[in-house]
């Protein structure tokens, strides 16, 4: 990629990733309000907002982060499978996106019940706790992805090591081949 396009894709990736992280942080706050809120209307509003944030912010931002991350990795020297930290970020993003889509079913169910009636303290407690726990775990995992991006721990994958050493090996073989041919011609 040329430098201008690389910066554009990097900006899109950072923006979507940070947006996803921020939306998850808001989701955690709403999950706390939904679980511990004293005002029934606040609880109802929290779960209805969680569904909207899920479908209109979390899901699109997770896919945008995944897509821009793929473009960024494939178009840069980092590559997609050359460095462990890049492969880890890819794995985190794919797993988090899949789990988010599964999680949206729980959110939809709780929001559907909240839309129909006021939730009492004992209603859907397991699901409401799950919403908070999952959102907290997602926040932690996304922070790990940010840390990987910032610190870029050293370490090449086997594929990355081979790719890095192939040119040297070809040069050595070419040099050895030239001298072998030179000896045979003399």
Protein backbone atom coordinates (compact mmCIF):
# COMPACT_ATOMS: atom_id res chain seq x y z
CA UNK A 1 0.00 0.00 0.00
CA UNK A 2 1.15 3.49 -0.62
CA UNK A 3 1.68 5.63 2.52
CA UNK A 4 -1.51 7.66 2.04
CA UNK A 5 -3.72 4.56 1.72
CA UNK A 6 -1.92 2.88 4.62
CA UNK A 7 -2.61 5.88 6.87
CA UNK A 8 -6.24 5.94 5.77
CA UNK A 9 -6.76 2.26 6.59
CA UNK A 10 -4.87 2.63 9.87
CA UNK A 11 -7.10 5.59 10.82
CA UNK A 12 -10.22 3.60 9.94
CA UNK A 13 -8.97 0.62 11.96
CA UNK A 14 -8.06 2.64 15.05
CA UNK A 15 -11.33 4.58 14.88
CA UNK A 16 -13.51 1.49 14.57
CA UNK A 17 -11.55 -0.38 17.26
CA UNK A 18 -11.66 2.49 19.74
CA UNK A 19 -15.33 3.02 18.93
CA UNK A 20 -16.00 -0.65 19.65
CA UNK A 21 -14.14 -0.36 22.96
CA UNK A 22 -16.12 2.76 23.90
CA UNK A 23 -19.44 1.18 22.98
CA UNK A 24 -18.59 -1.84 25.16
CA UNK A 25 -17.77 0.52 28.06
CA UNK A 26 -21.20 2.14 27.68
CA UNK A 27 -22.72 -1.34 27.51
CA UNK A 28 -21.08 -2.23 30.85
CA UNK A 29 -22.60 0.88 32.46
CA UNK A 30 -26.04 0.02 31.11
CA UNK A 31 -25.69 -3.59 32.30
CA UNK A 32 -24.88 -2.32 35.82
CA UNK A 33 -27.91 -0.01 35.74
CA UNK A 34 -30.10 -2.84 34.45
CA UNK A 35 -28.97 -5.20 37.17
CA UNK A 36 -28.83 -2.79 40.12
CA UNK A 37 -31.12 0.08 39.13
CA UNK A 38 -33.79 1.11 41.61
CA UNK A 39 -36.09 2.91 39.17
CA UNK A 40 -38.03 0.44 36.99
CA UNK A 41 -38.02 2.90 34.07
CA UNK A 42 -34.21 3.19 34.26
CA UNK A 43 -33.92 -0.59 34.21
CA UNK A 44 -36.31 -0.87 31.26
CA UNK A 45 -34.52 1.92 29.41
CA UNK A 46 -31.11 0.36 30.04
CA UNK A 47 -32.09 -2.95 28.43
CA UNK A 48 -33.82 -1.31 25.50
CA UNK A 49 -30.76 0.90 24.93
CA UNK A 50 -28.46 -2.13 25.18
CA UNK A 51 -30.23 -3.77 22.27
CA UNK A 52 -29.99 -0.61 20.16
CA UNK A 53 -26.32 -0.09 21.02
CA UNK A 54 -25.68 -3.75 20.26
CA UNK A 55 -27.16 -3.73 16.76
CA UNK A 56 -26.28 -0.17 15.73
CA UNK A 57 -22.85 0.29 17.34
CA UNK A 58 -21.26 -2.91 18.66
CA UNK A 59 -21.96 -5.21 15.72
CA UNK A 60 -21.05 -2.72 12.96
CA UNK A 61 -17.92 -1.56 14.80
CA UNK A 62 -16.77 -5.14 15.40
CA UNK A 63 -17.09 -5.94 11.69
CA UNK A 64 -15.45 -2.64 10.71
CA UNK A 65 -12.56 -3.38 13.07
CA UNK A 66 -12.17 -6.86 11.61
CA UNK A 67 -12.31 -5.70 7.99
CA UNK A 68 -9.97 -2.73 8.43
CA UNK A 69 -7.59 -4.87 10.50
CA UNK A 70 -7.41 -7.44 7.71
CA UNK A 71 -6.75 -4.75 5.10
CA UNK A 72 -4.14 -3.14 7.33
CA UNK A 73 -2.34 -6.42 8.04
CA UNK A 74 -2.39 -7.63 4.44
CA UNK A 75 -1.24 -4.27 3.12
CA UNK A 76 1.63 -3.71 5.53
CA UNK A 77 4.96 -5.28 6.37
CA UNK A 78 3.43 -6.78 9.52
CA UNK A 79 1.43 -9.30 7.51
CA UNK A 80 -1.43 -11.35 8.84
CA UNK A 81 0.39 -14.43 10.14
CA UNK A 82 4.03 -13.29 10.40
CA UNK A 83 3.90 -11.99 13.98
CA UNK A 84 2.19 -13.58 16.96
CA UNK A 85 0.71 -10.30 18.15
CA UNK A 86 -1.05 -9.72 14.81
CA UNK A 87 -2.37 -13.29 14.71
CA UNK A 88 -3.56 -12.90 18.34
CA UNK A 89 -5.39 -9.70 17.49
CA UNK A 90 -7.06 -11.43 14.54
CA UNK A 91 -8.12 -14.32 16.76
CA UNK A 92 -9.41 -11.93 19.44
CA UNK A 93 -11.40 -9.97 16.87
CA UNK A 94 -12.95 -13.02 15.17
CA UNK A 95 -13.86 -14.75 18.45
CA UNK A 96 -15.20 -11.54 20.00
CA UNK A 97 -17.32 -10.82 16.93
CA UNK A 98 -18.79 -14.34 16.88
CA UNK A 99 -19.49 -14.23 20.62
CA UNK A 100 -21.08 -10.80 20.21
CA UNK A 101 -23.48 -12.18 17.62
CA UNK A 102 -24.40 -15.03 19.99
CA UNK A 103 -24.66 -12.53 22.86
CA UNK A 104 -27.12 -10.42 20.86
CA UNK A 105 -29.70 -13.19 21.27
CA UNK A 106 -29.58 -12.82 25.04
CA UNK A 107 -29.75 -9.03 24.75
CA UNK A 108 -32.72 -9.31 22.40
CA UNK A 109 -34.57 -11.61 24.80
CA UNK A 110 -34.02 -9.40 27.86
CA UNK A 111 -34.88 -6.25 25.89
CA UNK A 112 -38.02 -7.95 24.55
CA UNK A 113 -39.18 -8.80 28.06
CA UNK A 114 -38.31 -5.28 29.26
CA UNK A 115 -40.35 -3.80 26.41
CA UNK A 116 -43.41 -5.87 27.43
CA UNK A 117 -43.34 -5.31 31.18
CA UNK A 118 -41.41 -3.93 34.11
CA UNK A 119 -38.66 -6.26 35.26
CA UNK A 120 -38.79 -7.19 38.92
CA UNK A 121 -35.59 -7.84 40.90
CA UNK A 122 -35.87 -11.60 40.41
CA UNK A 123 -36.76 -11.57 36.70
CA UNK A 124 -34.18 -13.01 34.31
CA UNK A 125 -31.42 -12.60 36.90
CA UNK A 126 -29.18 -15.18 35.27
CA UNK A 127 -29.38 -13.49 31.88
CA UNK A 128 -28.93 -10.03 33.38
CA UNK A 129 -25.83 -11.15 35.26
CA UNK A 130 -24.58 -12.81 32.07
CA UNK A 131 -24.98 -9.52 30.18
CA UNK A 132 -22.81 -7.76 32.74
CA UNK A 133 -20.20 -10.53 32.93
CA UNK A 134 -19.94 -10.84 29.15
CA UNK A 135 -19.63 -7.10 28.69
CA UNK A 136 -16.92 -6.92 31.36
CA UNK A 137 -15.03 -9.78 29.72
CA UNK A 138 -15.37 -8.12 26.31
CA UNK A 139 -13.97 -4.89 27.72
CA UNK A 140 -10.98 -6.74 29.16
CA UNK A 141 -10.32 -8.64 25.91
CA UNK A 142 -10.50 -5.46 23.82
CA UNK A 143 -8.04 -3.76 26.18
CA UNK A 144 -5.69 -6.71 25.64
CA UNK A 145 -5.99 -6.15 21.87
CA UNK A 146 -5.12 -2.47 22.36
CA UNK A 147 -2.11 -3.41 24.50
CA UNK A 148 -0.92 -5.82 21.79
CA UNK A 149 -1.15 -2.99 19.25
CA UNK A 150 0.80 -0.59 21.41
CA UNK A 151 3.52 -2.92 22.70
CA UNK A 152 3.83 -5.21 19.66
CA UNK A 153 5.57 -8.04 21.51
CA UNK A 154 8.44 -9.56 19.59
CA UNK A 155 8.05 -13.00 18.15
CA UNK A 156 7.68 -14.34 14.67
CA UNK A 157 5.43 -17.24 13.81
CA UNK A 158 6.98 -20.16 11.93
CA UNK A 159 5.53 -18.73 8.74
CA UNK A 160 6.98 -15.29 9.55
CA UNK A 161 10.38 -16.77 10.33
CA UNK A 162 10.42 -18.66 7.02
CA UNK A 163 9.34 -15.55 5.10
CA UNK A 164 12.05 -13.51 6.77
CA UNK A 165 14.78 -16.05 6.08
CA UNK A 166 13.74 -17.12 2.53
CA UNK A 167 15.48 -14.23 0.75
CA UNK A 168 18.73 -14.92 2.62
CA UNK A 169 18.50 -18.63 1.87
CA UNK A 170 17.84 -17.95 -1.83
CA UNK A 171 20.80 -15.58 -1.93
CA UNK A 172 23.03 -18.17 -0.27
CA UNK A 173 21.85 -20.91 -2.62
CA UNK A 174 22.32 -18.65 -5.63
CA UNK A 175 25.82 -17.74 -4.47
CA UNK A 176 26.66 -21.40 -3.81
CA UNK A 177 25.17 -22.39 -7.17
CA UNK A 178 27.22 -19.77 -9.00
CA UNK A 179 30.42 -20.96 -7.40
CA UNK A 180 29.53 -24.61 -8.07
CA UNK A 181 28.81 -23.77 -11.70
CA UNK A 182 32.03 -21.78 -11.86
CA UNK A 183 34.01 -24.76 -10.55
CA UNK A 184 32.38 -27.16 -13.02
CA UNK A 185 33.11 -24.85 -15.99
CA UNK A 186 36.79 -24.48 -15.16
